[in-house]
Amino acid sequence: MTSSRTPEVHVRAPRRGGYAWRYFGDMRSTLMAPQLLLLQVAHPTVGAGVHDHSNFRADPWGRLWRTLLSLSTVIYGGQEAATAEGRRLLEVHADMKGLDSSGRRYHALHPDAYHWVHATLVRAPVQAQSLFGPGMTAQERELYYQEMRGVGRVWGIKPQHLPEDWDSFVEYYDDMVENRLELNSSVDDVMAELSKPAKPFHWLPTMLWWPLAALAARYARLVTVGTLPEGLRSRLELSWSRSDERALDRFAGLVRILAALVPPPLRIVGSLAIAHWATRKSGTGPKEHEPLGAA
């Protein structure tokens, strides 16, 4: 199988005020960022591409920022910006290929890998709403999925590689988790960074950062590991206890209370601001030759 080399420009970007618009950039979805990154690099092709082509360990915050710019542009930047970003992503990934640690050939645009990155981005906001909010109704999930399916087509993923509805997507997703994901060096890198996150700004005093980093690391690990399927946690050699489960429940409850105090339009202000800035600046997306899954 080969991926399309150009985005499907006739496919519309998510509509303003739609379900993808409402849920993808919700501030609660950002709490899932480390988890979706871990899921992405656990795919052998994505993990190898990140290991060979990404500067994630040297500049994790920069990579996260550039990926947020890219994704927010696709969701919130409008049709022209979304199509241009989809085309740019395909160009960036076109030459990313090599051999993984097991000697298997990989190519970043192989549908199995390229679709998996998209799939993690589809699933994470649904999990965020379930854990940190009231959840989505079956109808909301279906409408959200159809809009995110359109994002995949703008990215250049062919329709036959995208499940037709939410139930089919869940079957695909669960099968990938059970049969395709594996422990690799990129998974270890992500967990190492989560345990001791680098300073987001060089000018930030170390004495001020480390207490904040310890707190962030604690809750990032709880959300990341706690929302993984039990079988995958075991395969990735990630420990989880009843105490961890209780701590995650308490944190999720606090987030639900705080999020309920924020009017819904304000929950996506950050993503809207990023998209507005990204579509008016040059060179703000991921750097040349950096894989999307290396946020």
C-alpha atoms as a PDB file:
ATOM      1  CA  MET A   1       0.000   0.000   0.000  1.00  0.00           C
ATOM      2  CA  THR A   2       1.131   3.554  -0.641  1.00  0.00           C
ATOM      3  CA  SER A   3      -0.160   6.825   0.697  1.00  0.00           C
ATOM      4  CA  SER A   4      -1.484   9.593  -1.505  1.00  0.00           C
ATOM      5  CA  ARG A   5       1.178  12.177  -2.344  1.00  0.00           C
ATOM      6  CA  THR A   6      -1.207  15.143  -2.320  1.00  0.00           C
ATOM      7  CA  PRO A   7      -4.004  16.156   0.053  1.00  0.00           C
ATOM      8  CA  GLU A   8      -7.530  15.797  -1.259  1.00  0.00           C
ATOM      9  CA  VAL A   9      -8.188  19.485  -1.748  1.00  0.00           C
ATOM     10  CA  HIS A  10     -11.885  18.916  -2.443  1.00  0.00           C
ATOM     11  CA  VAL A  11     -12.350  17.633   1.108  1.00  0.00           C
ATOM     12  CA  ARG A  12     -13.417  20.363   3.486  1.00  0.00           C
ATOM     13  CA  ALA A  13     -11.476  21.267   6.618  1.00  0.00           C
ATOM     14  CA  PRO A  14     -13.431  21.079   9.903  1.00  0.00           C
ATOM     15  CA  ARG A  15     -16.217  23.633   9.936  1.00  0.00           C
ATOM     16  CA  ARG A  16     -16.236  26.501  12.392  1.00  0.00           C
ATOM     17  CA  GLY A  17     -18.216  25.522  15.476  1.00  0.00           C
ATOM     18  CA  GLY A  18     -18.372  21.834  14.481  1.00  0.00           C
ATOM     19  CA  TYR A  19     -17.577  18.874  16.691  1.00  0.00           C
ATOM     20  CA  ALA A  20     -13.902  18.614  15.718  1.00  0.00           C
ATOM     21  CA  TRP A  21     -13.589  22.364  16.282  1.00  0.00           C
ATOM     22  CA  ARG A  22     -15.255  22.041  19.701  1.00  0.00           C
ATOM     23  CA  TYR A  23     -13.447  19.004  21.080  1.00  0.00           C
ATOM     24  CA  PHE A  24     -10.006  18.779  19.472  1.00  0.00           C
ATOM     25  CA  GLY A  25      -8.717  22.053  20.901  1.00  0.00           C
ATOM     26  CA  ASP A  26     -10.517  21.792  24.235  1.00  0.00           C
ATOM     27  CA  MET A  27      -8.030  22.617  26.973  1.00  0.00           C
ATOM     28  CA  ARG A  28      -8.755  19.211  28.561  1.00  0.00           C
ATOM     29  CA  SER A  29      -7.543  17.467  25.406  1.00  0.00           C
ATOM     30  CA  THR A  30      -4.077  18.961  25.904  1.00  0.00           C
ATOM     31  CA  LEU A  31      -3.720  16.823  29.029  1.00  0.00           C
ATOM     32  CA  MET A  32      -3.695  13.778  26.729  1.00  0.00           C
ATOM     33  CA  ALA A  33      -0.711  15.024  24.693  1.00  0.00           C
ATOM     34  CA  PRO A  34       1.936  12.817  26.360  1.00  0.00           C
ATOM     35  CA  GLN A  35      -0.320   9.755  26.049  1.00  0.00           C
ATOM     36  CA  LEU A  36      -0.946  10.185  22.343  1.00  0.00           C
ATOM     37  CA  LEU A  37       2.768  10.786  21.770  1.00  0.00           C
ATOM     38  CA  LEU A  38       3.567   7.550  23.586  1.00  0.00           C
ATOM     39  CA  LEU A  39       1.000   5.686  21.490  1.00  0.00           C
ATOM     40  CA  GLN A  40       2.428   7.152  18.302  1.00  0.00           C
ATOM     41  CA  VAL A  41       6.051   6.189  18.934  1.00  0.00           C
ATOM     42  CA  ALA A  42       5.034   2.692  20.114  1.00  0.00           C
ATOM     43  CA  HIS A  43       4.241   2.028  16.446  1.00  0.00           C
ATOM     44  CA  PRO A  44       7.489   0.541  15.080  1.00  0.00           C
ATOM     45  CA  THR A  45       7.578   2.774  11.989  1.00  0.00           C
ATOM     46  CA  VAL A  46       6.805   5.978  13.871  1.00  0.00           C
ATOM     47  CA  GLY A  47       9.227   5.065  16.642  1.00  0.00           C
ATOM     48  CA  ALA A  48      12.029   4.425  14.153  1.00  0.00           C
ATOM     49  CA  GLY A  49      11.292   7.668  12.304  1.00  0.00           C
ATOM     50  CA  VAL A  50      11.385   9.659  15.529  1.00  0.00           C
ATOM     51  CA  HIS A  51      14.640   7.990  16.557  1.00  0.00           C
ATOM     52  CA  ASP A  52      16.308   8.661  13.201  1.00  0.00           C
ATOM     53  CA  HIS A  53      14.867  12.016  12.177  1.00  0.00           C
ATOM     54  CA  SER A  54      13.684  13.921  15.247  1.00  0.00           C
ATOM     55  CA  ASN A  55      15.388  16.184  17.775  1.00  0.00           C
ATOM     56  CA  PHE A  56      12.792  15.328  20.419  1.00  0.00           C
ATOM     57  CA  ARG A  57      15.274  14.656  23.233  1.00  0.00           C
ATOM     58  CA  ALA A  58      17.306  17.792  22.479  1.00  0.00           C
ATOM     59  CA  ASP A  59      14.310  20.116  22.110  1.00  0.00           C
ATOM     60  CA  PRO A  60      11.107  18.509  23.435  1.00  0.00           C
ATOM     61  CA  TRP A  61       9.261  21.780  24.098  1.00  0.00           C
ATOM     62  CA  GLY A  62      10.171  23.174  20.686  1.00  0.00           C
ATOM     63  CA  ARG A  63       8.908  20.040  18.997  1.00  0.00           C
ATOM     64  CA  LEU A  64       5.684  20.141  21.005  1.00  0.00           C
ATOM     65  CA  TRP A  65       5.128  23.783  20.087  1.00  0.00           C
ATOM     66  CA  ARG A  66       5.746  23.240  16.386  1.00  0.00           C
ATOM     67  CA  THR A  67       3.424  20.238  16.303  1.00  0.00           C
ATOM     68  CA  LEU A  68       0.701  22.212  18.104  1.00  0.00           C
ATOM     69  CA  LEU A  69       1.105  24.908  15.462  1.00  0.00           C
ATOM     70  CA  SER A  70       0.711  22.349  12.702  1.00  0.00           C
ATOM     71  CA  LEU A  71      -2.337  20.578  14.134  1.00  0.00           C
ATOM     72  CA  SER A  72      -4.102  23.758  15.203  1.00  0.00           C
ATOM     73  CA  THR A  73      -3.607  25.134  11.703  1.00  0.00           C
ATOM     74  CA  VAL A  74      -5.299  22.076  10.186  1.00  0.00           C
ATOM     75  CA  ILE A  75      -8.260  22.194  12.580  1.00  0.00           C
ATOM     76  CA  TYR A  76      -8.759  25.919  13.048  1.00  0.00           C
ATOM     77  CA  GLY A  77      -6.878  27.678  10.257  1.00  0.00           C
ATOM     78  CA  GLY A  78      -9.527  27.410   7.555  1.00  0.00           C
ATOM     79  CA  GLN A  79      -9.639  25.536   4.243  1.00  0.00           C
ATOM     80  CA  GLU A  80      -6.673  27.162   2.499  1.00  0.00           C
ATOM     81  CA  ALA A  81      -4.361  26.886   5.493  1.00  0.00           C
ATOM     82  CA  ALA A  82      -5.426  23.277   6.219  1.00  0.00           C
ATOM     83  CA  THR A  83      -4.796  22.169   2.634  1.00  0.00           C
ATOM     84  CA  ALA A  84      -1.413  23.914   2.536  1.00  0.00           C
ATOM     85  CA  GLU A  85      -0.400  22.310   5.822  1.00  0.00           C
ATOM     86  CA  GLY A  86      -1.499  18.887   4.609  1.00  0.00           C
ATOM     87  CA  ARG A  87       0.631  19.299   1.497  1.00  0.00           C
ATOM     88  CA  ARG A  88       3.607  20.450   3.562  1.00  0.00           C
ATOM     89  CA  LEU A  89       3.338  17.479   5.922  1.00  0.00           C
ATOM     90  CA  LEU A  90       3.430  15.044   3.000  1.00  0.00           C
ATOM     91  CA  GLU A  91       6.511  16.766   1.605  1.00  0.00           C
ATOM     92  CA  VAL A  92       8.252  16.674   4.992  1.00  0.00           C
ATOM     93  CA  HIS A  93       7.613  12.939   5.422  1.00  0.00           C
ATOM     94  CA  ALA A  94       8.306  11.884   1.838  1.00  0.00           C
ATOM     95  CA  ASP A  95      12.013  11.117   2.348  1.00  0.00           C
ATOM     96  CA  MET A  96      11.805   9.697   5.860  1.00  0.00           C
ATOM     97  CA  LYS A  97      12.744   6.059   5.514  1.00  0.00           C
ATOM     98  CA  GLY A  98      15.309   3.594   6.732  1.00  0.00           C
ATOM     99  CA  LEU A  99      15.680   0.487   8.884  1.00  0.00           C
ATOM    100  CA  ASP A 100      14.319   0.132  12.397  1.00  0.00           C
ATOM    101  CA  SER A 101      16.187  -1.527  15.275  1.00  0.00           C
ATOM    102  CA  SER A 102      14.955  -4.947  14.131  1.00  0.00           C
ATOM    103  CA  GLY A 103      16.209  -4.429  10.590  1.00  0.00           C
ATOM    104  CA  ARG A 104      12.748  -3.829   9.116  1.00  0.00           C
ATOM    105  CA  ARG A 105      12.396  -1.243   6.383  1.00  0.00           C
ATOM    106  CA  TYR A 106      10.151   1.695   7.181  1.00  0.00           C
ATOM    107  CA  HIS A 107       8.742   4.716   5.365  1.00  0.00           C
ATOM    108  CA  ALA A 108       6.970   7.546   7.227  1.00  0.00           C
ATOM    109  CA  LEU A 109       4.211   7.768   4.592  1.00  0.00           C
ATOM    110  CA  HIS A 110       3.237   4.118   4.727  1.00  0.00           C
ATOM    111  CA  PRO A 111      -0.523   4.176   5.440  1.00  0.00           C
ATOM    112  CA  ASP A 112      -0.153   1.868   8.430  1.00  0.00           C
ATOM    113  CA  ALA A 113       1.992   4.453  10.233  1.00  0.00           C
ATOM    114  CA  TYR A 114       0.616   7.704   8.818  1.00  0.00           C
ATOM    115  CA  HIS A 115      -2.943   6.642   9.614  1.00  0.00           C
ATOM    116  CA  TRP A 116      -1.980   5.540  13.110  1.00  0.00           C
ATOM    117  CA  VAL A 117      -0.696   9.028  13.970  1.00  0.00           C
ATOM    118  CA  HIS A 118      -4.015  10.434  12.765  1.00  0.00           C
ATOM    119  CA  ALA A 119      -5.917   7.787  14.756  1.00  0.00           C
ATOM    120  CA  THR A 120      -4.247   8.758  18.040  1.00  0.00           C
ATOM    121  CA  LEU A 121      -5.268  12.364  17.436  1.00  0.00           C
ATOM    122  CA  VAL A 122      -8.847  11.257  16.784  1.00  0.00           C
ATOM    123  CA  ARG A 123      -9.112   9.124  19.916  1.00  0.00           C
ATOM    124  CA  ALA A 124      -7.395  11.368  22.496  1.00  0.00           C
ATOM    125  CA  PRO A 125     -10.087  14.109  22.678  1.00  0.00           C
ATOM    126  CA  VAL A 126     -12.774  11.430  23.091  1.00  0.00           C
ATOM    127  CA  GLN A 127     -10.848   9.957  26.008  1.00  0.00           C
ATOM    128  CA  ALA A 128     -10.317  13.440  27.441  1.00  0.00           C
ATOM    129  CA  GLN A 129     -14.037  14.147  27.408  1.00  0.00           C
ATOM    130  CA  SER A 130     -14.738  10.810  29.067  1.00  0.00           C
ATOM    131  CA  LEU A 131     -12.128  11.286  31.812  1.00  0.00           C
ATOM    132  CA  PHE A 132     -12.245  15.031  32.401  1.00  0.00           C
ATOM    133  CA  GLY A 133     -15.744  15.953  31.229  1.00  0.00           C
ATOM    134  CA  PRO A 134     -19.261  14.630  30.737  1.00  0.00           C
ATOM    135  CA  GLY A 135     -18.245  12.484  27.766  1.00  0.00           C
ATOM    136  CA  MET A 136     -19.761  12.472  24.284  1.00  0.00           C
ATOM    137  CA  THR A 137     -23.045  10.946  23.212  1.00  0.00           C
ATOM    138  CA  ALA A 138     -22.963   8.269  20.508  1.00  0.00           C
ATOM    139  CA  GLN A 139     -24.232  10.817  17.986  1.00  0.00           C
ATOM    140  CA  GLU A 140     -21.591  13.382  18.990  1.00  0.00           C
ATOM    141  CA  ARG A 141     -18.826  10.784  18.647  1.00  0.00           C
ATOM    142  CA  GLU A 142     -20.006   9.834  15.184  1.00  0.00           C
ATOM    143  CA  LEU A 143     -20.248  13.434  13.954  1.00  0.00           C
ATOM    144  CA  TYR A 144     -16.880  14.251  15.524  1.00  0.00           C
ATOM    145  CA  TYR A 145     -15.316  11.228  13.866  1.00  0.00           C
ATOM    146  CA  GLN A 146     -16.648  12.112  10.429  1.00  0.00           C
ATOM    147  CA  GLU A 147     -15.117  15.586  10.709  1.00  0.00           C
ATOM    148  CA  MET A 148     -11.788  14.141  11.886  1.00  0.00           C
ATOM    149  CA  ARG A 149     -11.967  11.620   9.060  1.00  0.00           C
ATOM    150  CA  GLY A 150     -12.047  14.638   6.755  1.00  0.00           C
ATOM    151  CA  VAL A 151      -8.879  15.912   8.437  1.00  0.00           C
ATOM    152  CA  GLY A 152      -7.204  12.630   7.523  1.00  0.00           C
ATOM    153  CA  ARG A 153      -8.186  13.080   3.901  1.00  0.00           C
ATOM    154  CA  VAL A 154      -6.859  16.649   3.896  1.00  0.00           C
ATOM    155  CA  TRP A 155      -3.608  15.176   5.195  1.00  0.00           C
ATOM    156  CA  GLY A 156      -3.504  12.895   2.175  1.00  0.00           C
ATOM    157  CA  ILE A 157      -4.774   9.643   3.682  1.00  0.00           C
ATOM    158  CA  LYS A 158      -6.855   7.780   1.121  1.00  0.00           C
ATOM    159  CA  PRO A 159     -10.494   7.020   2.023  1.00  0.00           C
ATOM    160  CA  GLN A 160      -9.943   3.240   1.969  1.00  0.00           C
ATOM    161  CA  HIS A 161      -7.408   3.592   4.796  1.00  0.00           C
ATOM    162  CA  LEU A 162      -9.911   5.412   7.031  1.00  0.00           C
ATOM    163  CA  PRO A 163     -12.690   3.400   8.739  1.00  0.00           C
ATOM    164  CA  GLU A 164     -16.114   4.539   7.607  1.00  0.00           C
ATOM    165  CA  ASP A 165     -17.701   5.135  11.013  1.00  0.00           C
ATOM    166  CA  TRP A 166     -16.862   5.384  14.715  1.00  0.00           C
ATOM    167  CA  ASP A 167     -17.549   1.727  15.523  1.00  0.00           C
ATOM    168  CA  SER A 168     -15.280   0.589  12.683  1.00  0.00           C
ATOM    169  CA  PHE A 169     -12.638   3.045  13.873  1.00  0.00           C
ATOM    170  CA  VAL A 170     -12.731   1.598  17.403  1.00  0.00           C
ATOM    171  CA  GLU A 171     -12.277  -1.919  16.015  1.00  0.00           C
ATOM    172  CA  TYR A 172      -9.288  -0.754  13.966  1.00  0.00           C
ATOM    173  CA  TYR A 173      -7.823   1.175  16.903  1.00  0.00           C
ATOM    174  CA  ASP A 174      -8.129  -1.698  19.380  1.00  0.00           C
ATOM    175  CA  ASP A 175      -6.574  -4.120  16.884  1.00  0.00           C
ATOM    176  CA  MET A 176      -3.598  -1.777  16.385  1.00  0.00           C
ATOM    177  CA  VAL A 177      -3.084  -1.446  20.131  1.00  0.00           C
ATOM    178  CA  GLU A 178      -3.229  -5.193  20.654  1.00  0.00           C
ATOM    179  CA  ASN A 179      -1.221  -6.403  17.667  1.00  0.00           C
ATOM    180  CA  ARG A 180       1.001  -3.611  16.318  1.00  0.00           C
ATOM    181  CA  LEU A 181       2.395  -1.477  19.143  1.00  0.00           C
ATOM    182  CA  GLU A 182       5.632  -2.430  20.856  1.00  0.00           C
ATOM    183  CA  LEU A 183       8.322  -1.281  23.261  1.00  0.00           C
ATOM    184  CA  ASN A 184      11.203   0.536  21.545  1.00  0.00           C
ATOM    185  CA  SER A 185      13.834   3.168  22.261  1.00  0.00           C
ATOM    186  CA  SER A 186      11.505   6.044  21.371  1.00  0.00           C
ATOM    187  CA  VAL A 187       8.996   4.830  23.980  1.00  0.00           C
ATOM    188  CA  ASP A 188      11.825   4.859  26.526  1.00  0.00           C
ATOM    189  CA  ASP A 189      12.769   8.387  25.444  1.00  0.00           C
ATOM    190  CA  VAL A 190       9.225   9.666  25.904  1.00  0.00           C
ATOM    191  CA  MET A 191       8.932   8.153  29.381  1.00  0.00           C
ATOM    192  CA  ALA A 192      12.370   9.494  30.356  1.00  0.00           C
ATOM    193  CA  GLU A 193      11.344  12.996  29.305  1.00  0.00           C
ATOM    194  CA  LEU A 194       8.068  12.687  31.208  1.00  0.00           C
ATOM    195  CA  SER A 195       9.890  11.692  34.391  1.00  0.00           C
ATOM    196  CA  LYS A 196      12.221  14.698  34.255  1.00  0.00           C
ATOM    197  CA  PRO A 197      10.866  17.307  31.821  1.00  0.00           C
ATOM    198  CA  ALA A 198      13.279  19.877  30.452  1.00  0.00           C
ATOM    199  CA  LYS A 199      12.761  23.576  31.109  1.00  0.00           C
ATOM    200  CA  PRO A 200      10.400  25.115  28.534  1.00  0.00           C
ATOM    201  CA  PHE A 201      12.470  28.339  28.538  1.00  0.00           C
ATOM    202  CA  HIS A 202      16.221  28.645  29.046  1.00  0.00           C
ATOM    203  CA  TRP A 203      15.765  31.808  31.108  1.00  0.00           C
ATOM    204  CA  LEU A 204      13.535  30.072  33.655  1.00  0.00           C
ATOM    205  CA  PRO A 205      15.515  29.650  36.923  1.00  0.00           C
ATOM    206  CA  THR A 206      16.225  26.008  37.666  1.00  0.00           C
ATOM    207  CA  MET A 207      15.313  26.440  41.328  1.00  0.00           C
ATOM    208  CA  LEU A 208      11.866  27.628  40.259  1.00  0.00           C
ATOM    209  CA  TRP A 209      11.369  25.040  37.511  1.00  0.00           C
ATOM    210  CA  TRP A 210      12.154  21.786  39.298  1.00  0.00           C
ATOM    211  CA  PRO A 211       9.300  21.946  41.841  1.00  0.00           C
ATOM    212  CA  LEU A 212       6.904  22.683  38.970  1.00  0.00           C
ATOM    213  CA  ALA A 213       8.501  19.948  36.860  1.00  0.00           C
ATOM    214  CA  ALA A 214       8.069  17.362  39.619  1.00  0.00           C
ATOM    215  CA  LEU A 215       4.375  18.223  39.903  1.00  0.00           C
ATOM    216  CA  ALA A 216       3.862  18.204  36.130  1.00  0.00           C
ATOM    217  CA  ALA A 217       5.736  14.911  35.780  1.00  0.00           C
ATOM    218  CA  ARG A 218       3.579  13.281  38.445  1.00  0.00           C
ATOM    219  CA  TYR A 219       0.267  14.132  36.812  1.00  0.00           C
ATOM    220  CA  ALA A 220       1.481  13.695  33.237  1.00  0.00           C
ATOM    221  CA  ARG A 221       2.523  10.152  34.094  1.00  0.00           C
ATOM    222  CA  LEU A 222      -0.790   9.444  35.838  1.00  0.00           C
ATOM    223  CA  VAL A 223      -2.796  10.518  32.787  1.00  0.00           C
ATOM    224  CA  THR A 224      -0.435   8.945  30.257  1.00  0.00           C
ATOM    225  CA  VAL A 225      -0.082   5.522  31.850  1.00  0.00           C
ATOM    226  CA  GLY A 226      -3.531   5.397  33.439  1.00  0.00           C
ATOM    227  CA  THR A 227      -5.371   5.877  30.153  1.00  0.00           C
ATOM    228  CA  LEU A 228      -3.498   3.105  28.346  1.00  0.00           C
ATOM    229  CA  PRO A 229      -5.124  -0.331  27.977  1.00  0.00           C
ATOM    230  CA  GLU A 230      -3.878  -2.692  30.663  1.00  0.00           C
ATOM    231  CA  GLY A 231      -2.328  -5.100  28.166  1.00  0.00           C
ATOM    232  CA  LEU A 232      -0.362  -2.330  26.483  1.00  0.00           C
ATOM    233  CA  ARG A 233       0.867  -1.009  29.834  1.00  0.00           C
ATOM    234  CA  SER A 234       2.289  -4.444  30.544  1.00  0.00           C
ATOM    235  CA  ARG A 235       3.860  -4.727  27.081  1.00  0.00           C
ATOM    236  CA  LEU A 236       5.524  -1.327  27.475  1.00  0.00           C
ATOM    237  CA  GLU A 237       6.710  -2.318  30.973  1.00  0.00           C
ATOM    238  CA  LEU A 238       4.888   0.558  32.687  1.00  0.00           C
ATOM    239  CA  SER A 239       3.909   0.038  36.309  1.00  0.00           C
ATOM    240  CA  TRP A 240       0.435   0.935  37.607  1.00  0.00           C
ATOM    241  CA  SER A 241      -1.055   0.514  41.078  1.00  0.00           C
ATOM    242  CA  ARG A 242      -4.320   1.013  42.935  1.00  0.00           C
ATOM    243  CA  SER A 243      -2.769   4.075  44.529  1.00  0.00           C
ATOM    244  CA  ASP A 244      -2.059   5.465  41.059  1.00  0.00           C
ATOM    245  CA  GLU A 245      -5.669   4.746  40.046  1.00  0.00           C
ATOM    246  CA  ARG A 246      -7.016   6.648  43.041  1.00  0.00           C
ATOM    247  CA  ALA A 247      -4.690   9.583  42.390  1.00  0.00           C
ATOM    248  CA  LEU A 248      -5.825   9.751  38.762  1.00  0.00           C
ATOM    249  CA  ASP A 249      -9.474   9.696  39.850  1.00  0.00           C
ATOM    250  CA  ARG A 250      -8.851  12.621  42.239  1.00  0.00           C
ATOM    251  CA  PHE A 251      -7.017  14.616  39.568  1.00  0.00           C
ATOM    252  CA  ALA A 252      -9.713  13.952  36.974  1.00  0.00           C
ATOM    253  CA  GLY A 253     -12.383  15.088  39.432  1.00  0.00           C
ATOM    254  CA  LEU A 254     -10.532  18.333  40.065  1.00  0.00           C
ATOM    255  CA  VAL A 255     -10.157  18.986  36.344  1.00  0.00           C
ATOM    256  CA  ARG A 256     -13.876  18.337  35.802  1.00  0.00           C
ATOM    257  CA  ILE A 257     -14.768  20.915  38.455  1.00  0.00           C
ATOM    258  CA  LEU A 258     -12.382  23.554  37.120  1.00  0.00           C
ATOM    259  CA  ALA A 259     -13.365  22.982  33.479  1.00  0.00           C
ATOM    260  CA  ALA A 260     -17.052  23.360  34.358  1.00  0.00           C
ATOM    261  CA  LEU A 261     -16.294  26.910  35.518  1.00  0.00           C
ATOM    262  CA  VAL A 262     -14.906  27.884  32.095  1.00  0.00           C
ATOM    263  CA  PRO A 263     -17.446  28.892  29.407  1.00  0.00           C
ATOM    264  CA  PRO A 264     -17.231  26.443  26.458  1.00  0.00           C
ATOM    265  CA  PRO A 265     -15.983  29.026  23.908  1.00  0.00           C
ATOM    266  CA  LEU A 266     -13.041  29.885  26.171  1.00  0.00           C
ATOM    267  CA  ARG A 267     -11.938  26.251  26.353  1.00  0.00           C
ATOM    268  CA  ILE A 268     -10.514  26.442  22.821  1.00  0.00           C
ATOM    269  CA  VAL A 269      -9.072  29.974  22.959  1.00  0.00           C
ATOM    270  CA  GLY A 270      -5.509  28.668  23.103  1.00  0.00           C
ATOM    271  CA  SER A 271      -5.905  26.562  19.966  1.00  0.00           C
ATOM    272  CA  LEU A 272      -7.589  29.416  18.116  1.00  0.00           C
ATOM    273  CA  ALA A 273      -4.763  31.774  19.056  1.00  0.00           C
ATOM    274  CA  ILE A 274      -2.133  29.272  17.895  1.00  0.00           C
ATOM    275  CA  ALA A 275      -3.894  28.766  14.568  1.00  0.00           C
ATOM    276  CA  HIS A 276      -4.319  32.520  14.060  1.00  0.00           C
ATOM    277  CA  TRP A 277      -0.618  33.101  14.677  1.00  0.00           C
ATOM    278  CA  ALA A 278       0.527  30.114  12.620  1.00  0.00           C
ATOM    279  CA  THR A 279      -1.430  31.125   9.530  1.00  0.00           C
ATOM    280  CA  ARG A 280       0.097  34.597   9.578  1.00  0.00           C
ATOM    281  CA  LYS A 281       3.721  33.704  10.220  1.00  0.00           C
ATOM    282  CA  SER A 282       6.181  31.911   7.960  1.00  0.00           C
ATOM    283  CA  GLY A 283       8.333  29.054   9.212  1.00  0.00           C
ATOM    284  CA  THR A 284       6.218  28.332  12.277  1.00  0.00           C
ATOM    285  CA  GLY A 285       5.353  24.716  11.493  1.00  0.00           C
ATOM    286  CA  PRO A 286       7.518  21.678  12.252  1.00  0.00           C
ATOM    287  CA  LYS A 287      11.008  22.091  10.869  1.00  0.00           C
ATOM    288  CA  GLU A 288      12.014  20.418   7.650  1.00  0.00           C
ATOM    289  CA  HIS A 289      12.645  16.690   8.083  1.00  0.00           C
ATOM    290  CA  GLU A 290      10.938  16.449  11.483  1.00  0.00           C
ATOM    291  CA  PRO A 291       8.280  13.720  11.711  1.00  0.00           C
ATOM    292  CA  LEU A 292       4.800  14.662  12.867  1.00  0.00           C
ATOM    293  CA  GLY A 293       4.776  11.930  15.475  1.00  0.00           C
ATOM    294  CA  ALA A 294       7.779  13.394  17.266  1.00  0.00           C
ATOM    295  CA  ALA A 295       5.998  16.124  19.143  1.00  0.00           C
END
